[in-house]
Amino acid sequence: MDDALAIYQDHLDRVSQAVWTADEDALANLLAVPNRMITTDAEILLETVQDVIKAAQDFRAFLIRSGAQEFHRIAREARWHPQHDNRIDGSHDTYVLRGGSFALAPYVNHQVLVREGGVWRGIEIRAEVRNSDCTILSPEQLRARAVQARAGLPTPPPGAERHV
């Protein structure tokens, strides 16, 4: 598959299904570590597969508490990175539905995928929504990072990212 948009949409569909069905093996395969997650009011760098799975579990729990019956992500655009043939930068809209209506307002996301060992994995997602309105980032993980920082323990710096 050479079409960046088709690869991007396929990845969106597979991750959405894995989140919705709590498929930890699929999540571990589809999301790279470290994994950077950003909303308009929070940011975290997840450093282990267990961190990524916990974040996905907490997001799924938020969807269920919101009464979501469907969760769809539709690609807007995707393009090959001009300097890396193993990277796709894209954007998509997220729709969380309940009974044919929005359970929460649709929002835009920007995501980076990298190909590792023939598998496309998400390494960064930036959601144009407040985490306080749509719990994409795990509150428990954010609190733990804040406690580490206050205690002077090493934490990933904001904006730290993987080099591809």
N, C-alpha and C. Protein backbone atom coordinates (compact mmCIF):
# COMPACT_ATOMS: atom_id res chain seq x y z
N MET A 1 0.86 -1.17 0.00
CA MET A 1 0.00 0.00 0.00
C MET A 1 0.91 1.24 0.00
N ASP A 2 0.83 2.03 -1.05
CA ASP A 2 1.67 3.22 -1.18
C ASP A 2 0.92 4.53 -0.96
N ASP A 3 -0.38 4.46 -0.82
CA ASP A 3 -1.20 5.66 -0.66
C ASP A 3 -1.21 6.08 0.82
N ALA A 4 -0.60 7.24 1.10
CA ALA A 4 -0.49 7.69 2.49
C ALA A 4 -1.85 7.81 3.17
N LEU A 5 -2.85 8.32 2.45
CA LEU A 5 -4.18 8.49 3.05
C LEU A 5 -4.80 7.13 3.39
N ALA A 6 -4.64 6.14 2.51
CA ALA A 6 -5.19 4.81 2.77
C ALA A 6 -4.50 4.15 3.97
N ILE A 7 -3.19 4.31 4.06
CA ILE A 7 -2.44 3.75 5.20
C ILE A 7 -2.90 4.42 6.49
N TYR A 8 -3.02 5.73 6.43
CA TYR A 8 -3.43 6.51 7.61
C TYR A 8 -4.83 6.09 8.07
N GLN A 9 -5.79 6.00 7.13
CA GLN A 9 -7.16 5.62 7.51
C GLN A 9 -7.20 4.20 8.05
N ASP A 10 -6.45 3.28 7.43
CA ASP A 10 -6.40 1.91 7.92
C ASP A 10 -5.89 1.88 9.36
N HIS A 11 -4.85 2.67 9.63
CA HIS A 11 -4.31 2.72 10.99
C HIS A 11 -5.35 3.29 11.97
N LEU A 12 -6.03 4.37 11.56
CA LEU A 12 -7.09 4.93 12.41
C LEU A 12 -8.13 3.87 12.75
N ASP A 13 -8.58 3.13 11.74
CA ASP A 13 -9.62 2.12 11.94
C ASP A 13 -9.15 1.01 12.88
N ARG A 14 -7.92 0.58 12.69
CA ARG A 14 -7.40 -0.52 13.51
C ARG A 14 -7.21 -0.08 14.97
N VAL A 15 -6.69 1.13 15.18
CA VAL A 15 -6.51 1.60 16.56
C VAL A 15 -7.87 1.86 17.22
N SER A 16 -8.79 2.47 16.48
CA SER A 16 -10.14 2.72 17.04
C SER A 16 -10.78 1.42 17.48
N GLN A 17 -10.69 0.39 16.64
CA GLN A 17 -11.25 -0.92 16.98
C GLN A 17 -10.56 -1.49 18.22
N ALA A 18 -9.24 -1.36 18.29
CA ALA A 18 -8.50 -1.89 19.44
C ALA A 18 -8.88 -1.15 20.72
N VAL A 19 -9.06 0.17 20.64
CA VAL A 19 -9.49 0.93 21.83
C VAL A 19 -10.89 0.48 22.24
N TRP A 20 -11.81 0.43 21.27
CA TRP A 20 -13.21 0.13 21.55
C TRP A 20 -13.38 -1.26 22.15
N THR A 21 -12.56 -2.24 21.67
CA THR A 21 -12.69 -3.62 22.14
C THR A 21 -11.69 -3.98 23.23
N ALA A 22 -10.88 -2.99 23.65
CA ALA A 22 -9.85 -3.20 24.69
C ALA A 22 -8.87 -4.30 24.29
N ASP A 23 -8.45 -4.31 23.04
CA ASP A 23 -7.52 -5.30 22.51
C ASP A 23 -6.09 -4.84 22.80
N GLU A 24 -5.54 -5.28 23.92
CA GLU A 24 -4.23 -4.83 24.36
C GLU A 24 -3.12 -5.25 23.41
N ASP A 25 -3.21 -6.45 22.85
CA ASP A 25 -2.18 -6.91 21.91
C ASP A 25 -2.13 -6.03 20.67
N ALA A 26 -3.29 -5.68 20.14
CA ALA A 26 -3.34 -4.81 18.96
C ALA A 26 -2.79 -3.44 19.29
N LEU A 27 -3.17 -2.90 20.45
CA LEU A 27 -2.66 -1.59 20.87
C LEU A 27 -1.14 -1.61 20.98
N ALA A 28 -0.60 -2.67 21.58
CA ALA A 28 0.85 -2.79 21.73
C ALA A 28 1.55 -2.84 20.37
N ASN A 29 0.89 -3.39 19.38
CA ASN A 29 1.47 -3.50 18.04
C ASN A 29 1.32 -2.22 17.23
N LEU A 30 0.26 -1.48 17.47
CA LEU A 30 -0.08 -0.32 16.63
C LEU A 30 0.43 1.02 17.17
N LEU A 31 0.82 1.06 18.44
CA LEU A 31 1.27 2.31 19.06
C LEU A 31 2.69 2.14 19.57
N ALA A 32 3.58 3.01 19.10
CA ALA A 32 4.99 2.93 19.45
C ALA A 32 5.26 3.57 20.81
N VAL A 33 6.38 3.21 21.38
CA VAL A 33 6.89 3.89 22.57
C VAL A 33 8.30 4.36 22.28
N PRO A 34 8.68 5.53 22.75
CA PRO A 34 7.80 6.44 23.48
C PRO A 34 6.69 6.97 22.59
N ASN A 35 5.60 7.42 23.21
CA ASN A 35 4.42 7.89 22.49
C ASN A 35 3.99 9.22 23.12
N ARG A 36 3.97 10.24 22.31
CA ARG A 36 3.62 11.58 22.78
C ARG A 36 2.15 11.86 22.51
N MET A 37 1.43 12.29 23.54
CA MET A 37 0.01 12.61 23.42
C MET A 37 -0.21 14.03 23.94
N ILE A 38 -0.93 14.82 23.15
CA ILE A 38 -1.09 16.24 23.46
C ILE A 38 -2.55 16.64 23.27
N THR A 39 -3.07 17.43 24.20
CA THR A 39 -4.36 18.10 24.02
C THR A 39 -4.07 19.60 24.17
N THR A 40 -5.10 20.42 24.06
CA THR A 40 -4.86 21.86 24.17
C THR A 40 -4.48 22.29 25.58
N ASP A 41 -4.73 21.44 26.58
CA ASP A 41 -4.41 21.82 27.96
C ASP A 41 -3.54 20.82 28.72
N ALA A 42 -3.00 19.81 28.02
CA ALA A 42 -2.17 18.82 28.71
C ALA A 42 -1.29 18.10 27.69
N GLU A 43 -0.24 17.48 28.21
CA GLU A 43 0.69 16.74 27.36
C GLU A 43 1.37 15.68 28.19
N ILE A 44 1.65 14.53 27.56
CA ILE A 44 2.36 13.47 28.27
C ILE A 44 3.18 12.67 27.27
N LEU A 45 4.31 12.16 27.73
CA LEU A 45 5.13 11.25 26.94
C LEU A 45 5.05 9.90 27.63
N LEU A 46 4.45 8.94 26.95
CA LEU A 46 4.30 7.59 27.50
C LEU A 46 5.52 6.78 27.10
N GLU A 47 6.17 6.17 28.09
CA GLU A 47 7.47 5.55 27.83
C GLU A 47 7.45 4.03 27.74
N THR A 48 6.36 3.39 28.14
CA THR A 48 6.30 1.93 28.07
C THR A 48 5.01 1.49 27.39
N VAL A 49 5.02 0.25 26.93
CA VAL A 49 3.82 -0.31 26.33
C VAL A 49 2.68 -0.30 27.34
N GLN A 50 2.98 -0.61 28.59
CA GLN A 50 1.94 -0.60 29.62
C GLN A 50 1.35 0.79 29.80
N ASP A 51 2.19 1.83 29.70
CA ASP A 51 1.69 3.21 29.78
C ASP A 51 0.70 3.50 28.65
N VAL A 52 1.04 3.05 27.44
CA VAL A 52 0.17 3.27 26.28
C VAL A 52 -1.15 2.53 26.45
N ILE A 53 -1.08 1.30 26.90
CA ILE A 53 -2.30 0.51 27.12
C ILE A 53 -3.16 1.15 28.20
N LYS A 54 -2.55 1.60 29.28
CA LYS A 54 -3.30 2.27 30.37
C LYS A 54 -4.00 3.52 29.85
N ALA A 55 -3.30 4.31 29.03
CA ALA A 55 -3.91 5.52 28.46
C ALA A 55 -5.12 5.15 27.60
N ALA A 56 -4.98 4.12 26.79
CA ALA A 56 -6.09 3.68 25.93
C ALA A 56 -7.26 3.16 26.78
N GLN A 57 -6.96 2.43 27.84
CA GLN A 57 -8.02 1.93 28.73
C GLN A 57 -8.77 3.09 29.38
N ASP A 58 -8.04 4.09 29.83
CA ASP A 58 -8.69 5.23 30.47
C ASP A 58 -9.52 6.04 29.48
N PHE A 59 -9.05 6.16 28.23
CA PHE A 59 -9.84 6.85 27.20
C PHE A 59 -11.11 6.06 26.91
N ARG A 60 -11.01 4.74 26.81
CA ARG A 60 -12.19 3.90 26.59
C ARG A 60 -13.18 4.06 27.75
N ALA A 61 -12.69 4.09 28.97
CA ALA A 61 -13.57 4.28 30.13
C ALA A 61 -14.29 5.62 30.05
N PHE A 62 -13.57 6.67 29.59
CA PHE A 62 -14.20 7.97 29.40
C PHE A 62 -15.32 7.88 28.36
N LEU A 63 -15.05 7.20 27.24
CA LEU A 63 -16.08 7.06 26.20
C LEU A 63 -17.32 6.38 26.75
N ILE A 64 -17.13 5.32 27.52
CA ILE A 64 -18.26 4.58 28.10
C ILE A 64 -19.02 5.47 29.09
N ARG A 65 -18.31 6.20 29.94
CA ARG A 65 -18.98 7.11 30.89
C ARG A 65 -19.76 8.19 30.14
N SER A 66 -19.30 8.57 28.96
CA SER A 66 -19.98 9.59 28.16
C SER A 66 -21.19 9.05 27.43
N GLY A 67 -21.43 7.75 27.57
CA GLY A 67 -22.56 7.13 26.90
C GLY A 67 -22.32 6.82 25.43
N ALA A 68 -21.07 6.84 25.02
CA ALA A 68 -20.75 6.59 23.61
C ALA A 68 -21.19 5.20 23.19
N GLN A 69 -21.78 5.15 22.01
CA GLN A 69 -22.16 3.88 21.40
C GLN A 69 -21.32 3.60 20.15
N GLU A 70 -20.73 4.66 19.62
CA GLU A 70 -19.86 4.54 18.45
C GLU A 70 -18.72 5.53 18.58
N PHE A 71 -17.60 5.16 17.97
CA PHE A 71 -16.38 5.98 18.01
C PHE A 71 -15.74 5.85 16.63
N HIS A 72 -15.73 6.96 15.87
CA HIS A 72 -15.21 6.93 14.50
C HIS A 72 -14.14 8.01 14.33
N ARG A 73 -13.12 7.66 13.56
CA ARG A 73 -12.08 8.63 13.21
C ARG A 73 -11.93 8.60 11.69
N ILE A 74 -12.10 9.76 11.07
CA ILE A 74 -12.09 9.86 9.61
C ILE A 74 -10.94 10.77 9.17
N ALA A 75 -10.08 10.22 8.32
CA ALA A 75 -8.91 10.96 7.84
C ALA A 75 -9.33 12.17 7.03
N ARG A 76 -8.67 13.28 7.26
CA ARG A 76 -8.82 14.50 6.46
C ARG A 76 -7.75 14.52 5.37
N GLU A 77 -6.52 14.29 5.80
CA GLU A 77 -5.38 14.30 4.89
C GLU A 77 -4.26 13.48 5.49
N ALA A 78 -3.35 13.03 4.64
CA ALA A 78 -2.15 12.34 5.08
C ALA A 78 -1.10 12.51 3.99
N ARG A 79 0.13 12.73 4.41
CA ARG A 79 1.19 12.93 3.43
C ARG A 79 2.48 12.29 3.95
N TRP A 80 3.27 11.83 3.00
CA TRP A 80 4.58 11.30 3.33
C TRP A 80 5.45 12.45 3.83
N HIS A 81 6.23 12.20 4.85
CA HIS A 81 7.17 13.21 5.34
C HIS A 81 8.24 13.41 4.26
N PRO A 82 8.58 14.65 3.95
CA PRO A 82 9.49 14.91 2.84
C PRO A 82 10.91 14.35 3.04
N GLN A 83 11.30 14.09 4.28
CA GLN A 83 12.66 13.61 4.53
C GLN A 83 12.72 12.17 5.02
N HIS A 84 11.57 11.55 5.22
CA HIS A 84 11.55 10.19 5.77
C HIS A 84 10.49 9.36 5.05
N ASP A 85 10.90 8.31 4.36
CA ASP A 85 9.91 7.48 3.66
C ASP A 85 9.22 6.48 4.58
N ASN A 86 9.59 6.52 5.86
CA ASN A 86 8.94 5.65 6.85
C ASN A 86 8.06 6.43 7.81
N ARG A 87 7.62 7.64 7.37
CA ARG A 87 6.81 8.49 8.24
C ARG A 87 5.68 9.13 7.44
N ILE A 88 4.49 9.14 8.06
CA ILE A 88 3.31 9.81 7.50
C ILE A 88 2.79 10.79 8.54
N ASP A 89 2.55 12.02 8.11
CA ASP A 89 1.92 13.04 8.94
C ASP A 89 0.50 13.22 8.43
N GLY A 90 -0.47 13.18 9.33
CA GLY A 90 -1.85 13.32 8.87
C GLY A 90 -2.74 14.00 9.89
N SER A 91 -3.97 14.21 9.48
CA SER A 91 -4.98 14.76 10.38
C SER A 91 -6.29 14.04 10.15
N HIS A 92 -7.12 14.06 11.18
CA HIS A 92 -8.41 13.37 11.10
C HIS A 92 -9.41 14.01 12.07
N ASP A 93 -10.68 13.71 11.82
CA ASP A 93 -11.76 14.15 12.71
C ASP A 93 -12.20 12.96 13.55
N THR A 94 -12.52 13.23 14.81
CA THR A 94 -13.03 12.19 15.70
C THR A 94 -14.49 12.49 16.02
N TYR A 95 -15.31 11.44 15.89
CA TYR A 95 -16.75 11.52 16.17
C TYR A 95 -17.09 10.49 17.23
N VAL A 96 -17.67 10.94 18.32
CA VAL A 96 -18.14 10.07 19.39
C VAL A 96 -19.66 10.21 19.41
N LEU A 97 -20.35 9.09 19.12
CA LEU A 97 -21.80 9.14 18.93
C LEU A 97 -22.55 8.34 19.99
N ARG A 98 -23.77 8.82 20.27
CA ARG A 98 -24.69 8.16 21.19
C ARG A 98 -26.08 8.29 20.57
N GLY A 99 -26.67 7.19 20.18
CA GLY A 99 -28.03 7.21 19.63
C GLY A 99 -28.18 8.09 18.40
N GLY A 100 -27.17 8.13 17.54
CA GLY A 100 -27.26 8.93 16.33
C GLY A 100 -26.93 10.40 16.52
N SER A 101 -26.61 10.81 17.74
CA SER A 101 -26.22 12.20 18.02
C SER A 101 -24.80 12.22 18.58
N PHE A 102 -24.23 13.39 18.63
CA PHE A 102 -22.89 13.51 19.18
C PHE A 102 -22.93 13.38 20.70
N ALA A 103 -22.13 12.46 21.23
CA ALA A 103 -21.96 12.35 22.68
C ALA A 103 -21.05 13.47 23.16
N LEU A 104 -20.16 13.93 22.30
CA LEU A 104 -19.36 15.12 22.52
C LEU A 104 -19.05 15.74 21.16
N ALA A 105 -18.69 16.98 21.18
CA ALA A 105 -18.45 17.71 19.93
C ALA A 105 -17.30 17.07 19.16
N PRO A 106 -17.45 16.92 17.84
CA PRO A 106 -16.33 16.39 17.03
C PRO A 106 -15.10 17.27 17.20
N TYR A 107 -13.93 16.65 17.07
CA TYR A 107 -12.69 17.41 17.20
C TYR A 107 -11.66 16.90 16.20
N VAL A 108 -10.70 17.77 15.90
CA VAL A 108 -9.64 17.48 14.93
C VAL A 108 -8.41 16.97 15.67
N ASN A 109 -7.70 16.06 15.03
CA ASN A 109 -6.46 15.51 15.57
C ASN A 109 -5.38 15.56 14.49
N HIS A 110 -4.15 15.62 14.93
CA HIS A 110 -3.00 15.51 14.03
C HIS A 110 -2.17 14.36 14.57
N GLN A 111 -1.74 13.47 13.68
CA GLN A 111 -1.05 12.28 14.12
C GLN A 111 0.17 12.00 13.25
N VAL A 112 1.17 11.41 13.87
CA VAL A 112 2.37 10.98 13.16
C VAL A 112 2.46 9.46 13.25
N LEU A 113 2.65 8.83 12.09
CA LEU A 113 2.86 7.39 12.02
C LEU A 113 4.28 7.13 11.53
N VAL A 114 4.89 6.06 12.04
CA VAL A 114 6.19 5.60 11.53
C VAL A 114 6.08 4.11 11.22
N ARG A 115 6.83 3.71 10.21
CA ARG A 115 6.87 2.29 9.85
C ARG A 115 8.09 1.68 10.51
N GLU A 116 7.83 0.67 11.36
CA GLU A 116 8.89 -0.04 12.08
C GLU A 116 8.72 -1.52 11.81
N GLY A 117 9.70 -2.13 11.18
CA GLY A 117 9.61 -3.56 10.90
C GLY A 117 8.41 -3.91 10.05
N GLY A 118 8.04 -3.02 9.13
CA GLY A 118 6.92 -3.27 8.24
C GLY A 118 5.56 -2.94 8.82
N VAL A 119 5.52 -2.48 10.08
CA VAL A 119 4.25 -2.17 10.76
C VAL A 119 4.16 -0.66 10.97
N TRP A 120 3.01 -0.08 10.63
CA TRP A 120 2.78 1.34 10.88
C TRP A 120 2.32 1.52 12.31
N ARG A 121 3.02 2.40 13.05
CA ARG A 121 2.71 2.65 14.45
C ARG A 121 2.55 4.15 14.69
N GLY A 122 1.58 4.50 15.52
CA GLY A 122 1.41 5.89 15.94
C GLY A 122 2.46 6.24 16.97
N ILE A 123 3.14 7.41 16.77
CA ILE A 123 4.13 7.83 17.77
C ILE A 123 3.74 9.15 18.42
N GLU A 124 2.79 9.86 17.81
CA GLU A 124 2.37 11.15 18.38
C GLU A 124 0.97 11.46 17.91
N ILE A 125 0.17 11.99 18.83
CA ILE A 125 -1.15 12.49 18.47
C ILE A 125 -1.39 13.80 19.21
N ARG A 126 -1.92 14.75 18.48
CA ARG A 126 -2.26 16.06 19.05
C ARG A 126 -3.73 16.30 18.77
N ALA A 127 -4.52 16.36 19.82
CA ALA A 127 -5.97 16.55 19.71
C ALA A 127 -6.32 18.00 19.98
N GLU A 128 -7.11 18.59 19.11
CA GLU A 128 -7.55 19.98 19.28
C GLU A 128 -8.82 20.02 20.14
N VAL A 129 -8.63 19.58 21.37
CA VAL A 129 -9.71 19.56 22.36
C VAL A 129 -9.05 19.62 23.74
N ARG A 130 -9.78 20.19 24.69
CA ARG A 130 -9.26 20.24 26.06
C ARG A 130 -9.40 18.86 26.70
N ASN A 131 -8.33 18.42 27.35
CA ASN A 131 -8.40 17.14 28.06
C ASN A 131 -9.43 17.19 29.17
N SER A 132 -9.67 18.37 29.70
CA SER A 132 -10.69 18.52 30.75
C SER A 132 -12.10 18.32 30.20
N ASP A 133 -12.28 18.44 28.87
CA ASP A 133 -13.59 18.21 28.24
C ASP A 133 -13.71 16.81 27.64
N CYS A 134 -12.60 16.27 27.18
CA CYS A 134 -12.55 14.95 26.55
C CYS A 134 -11.29 14.27 27.05
N THR A 135 -11.44 13.33 27.95
CA THR A 135 -10.30 12.74 28.65
C THR A 135 -9.52 11.80 27.75
N ILE A 136 -8.68 12.38 26.90
CA ILE A 136 -7.82 11.60 26.03
C ILE A 136 -6.59 11.14 26.80
N LEU A 137 -6.04 12.03 27.61
CA LEU A 137 -4.87 11.70 28.42
C LEU A 137 -5.34 11.23 29.79
N SER A 138 -4.76 10.15 30.25
CA SER A 138 -5.15 9.55 31.52
C SER A 138 -4.89 10.50 32.68
N PRO A 139 -5.94 10.90 33.41
CA PRO A 139 -5.73 11.77 34.58
C PRO A 139 -4.78 11.14 35.60
N GLU A 140 -4.87 9.83 35.77
CA GLU A 140 -4.00 9.14 36.71
C GLU A 140 -2.53 9.27 36.28
N GLN A 141 -2.27 9.10 34.99
CA GLN A 141 -0.91 9.23 34.50
C GLN A 141 -0.40 10.67 34.59
N LEU A 142 -1.27 11.63 34.30
CA LEU A 142 -0.89 13.04 34.42
C LEU A 142 -0.56 13.38 35.87
N ARG A 143 -1.36 12.88 36.81
CA ARG A 143 -1.10 13.13 38.24
C ARG A 143 0.23 12.51 38.66
N ALA A 144 0.48 11.28 38.19
CA ALA A 144 1.73 10.60 38.55
C ALA A 144 2.94 11.38 38.03
N ARG A 145 2.86 11.91 36.83
CA ARG A 145 3.95 12.71 36.27
C ARG A 145 4.15 13.99 37.10
N ALA A 146 3.05 14.60 37.52
CA ALA A 146 3.15 15.82 38.34
C ALA A 146 3.81 15.52 39.68
N VAL A 147 3.46 14.38 40.30
CA VAL A 147 4.07 13.99 41.58
C VAL A 147 5.56 13.75 41.38
N GLN A 148 5.95 13.08 40.29
CA GLN A 148 7.36 12.85 40.00
C GLN A 148 8.11 14.17 39.87
N ALA A 149 7.51 15.09 39.13
CA ALA A 149 8.15 16.39 38.92
C ALA A 149 8.32 17.14 40.24
N ARG A 150 7.27 17.14 41.09
CA ARG A 150 7.34 17.83 42.38
C ARG A 150 8.40 17.20 43.30
N ALA A 151 8.58 15.88 43.16
CA ALA A 151 9.56 15.17 44.00
C ALA A 151 10.98 15.27 43.44
N GLY A 152 11.10 15.91 42.29
CA GLY A 152 12.41 16.07 41.69
C GLY A 152 12.90 14.82 40.98
N LEU A 153 11.99 13.87 40.73
CA LEU A 153 12.37 12.65 40.01
C LEU A 153 12.38 12.92 38.51
N PRO A 154 13.18 12.21 37.77
CA PRO A 154 13.23 12.45 36.33
C PRO A 154 11.90 12.14 35.65
N THR A 155 11.47 13.04 34.80
CA THR A 155 10.28 12.83 33.97
C THR A 155 10.66 13.27 32.57
N PRO A 156 9.98 12.72 31.56
CA PRO A 156 10.28 13.18 30.20
C PRO A 156 9.95 14.67 30.08
N PRO A 157 10.83 15.44 29.47
CA PRO A 157 10.54 16.85 29.32
C PRO A 157 9.39 17.08 28.36
N PRO A 158 8.56 18.11 28.58
CA PRO A 158 7.51 18.43 27.62
C PRO A 158 8.14 18.67 26.26
N GLY A 159 7.52 18.10 25.26
CA GLY A 159 8.02 18.26 23.90
C GLY A 159 9.08 17.25 23.51
N ALA A 160 9.49 16.39 24.46
CA ALA A 160 10.47 15.36 24.09
C ALA A 160 9.84 14.48 23.04
N GLU A 161 10.58 14.16 22.02
CA GLU A 161 9.99 13.33 20.98
C GLU A 161 11.00 12.37 20.42
N ARG A 162 10.49 11.40 19.77
CA ARG A 162 11.26 10.35 19.15
C ARG A 162 11.83 10.86 17.84
N HIS A 163 13.01 10.43 17.51
CA HIS A 163 13.62 10.82 16.25
C HIS A 163 13.49 9.67 15.27
N VAL A 164 12.96 9.99 14.07
CA VAL A 164 12.80 8.96 13.04
C VAL A 164 13.58 9.37 11.81
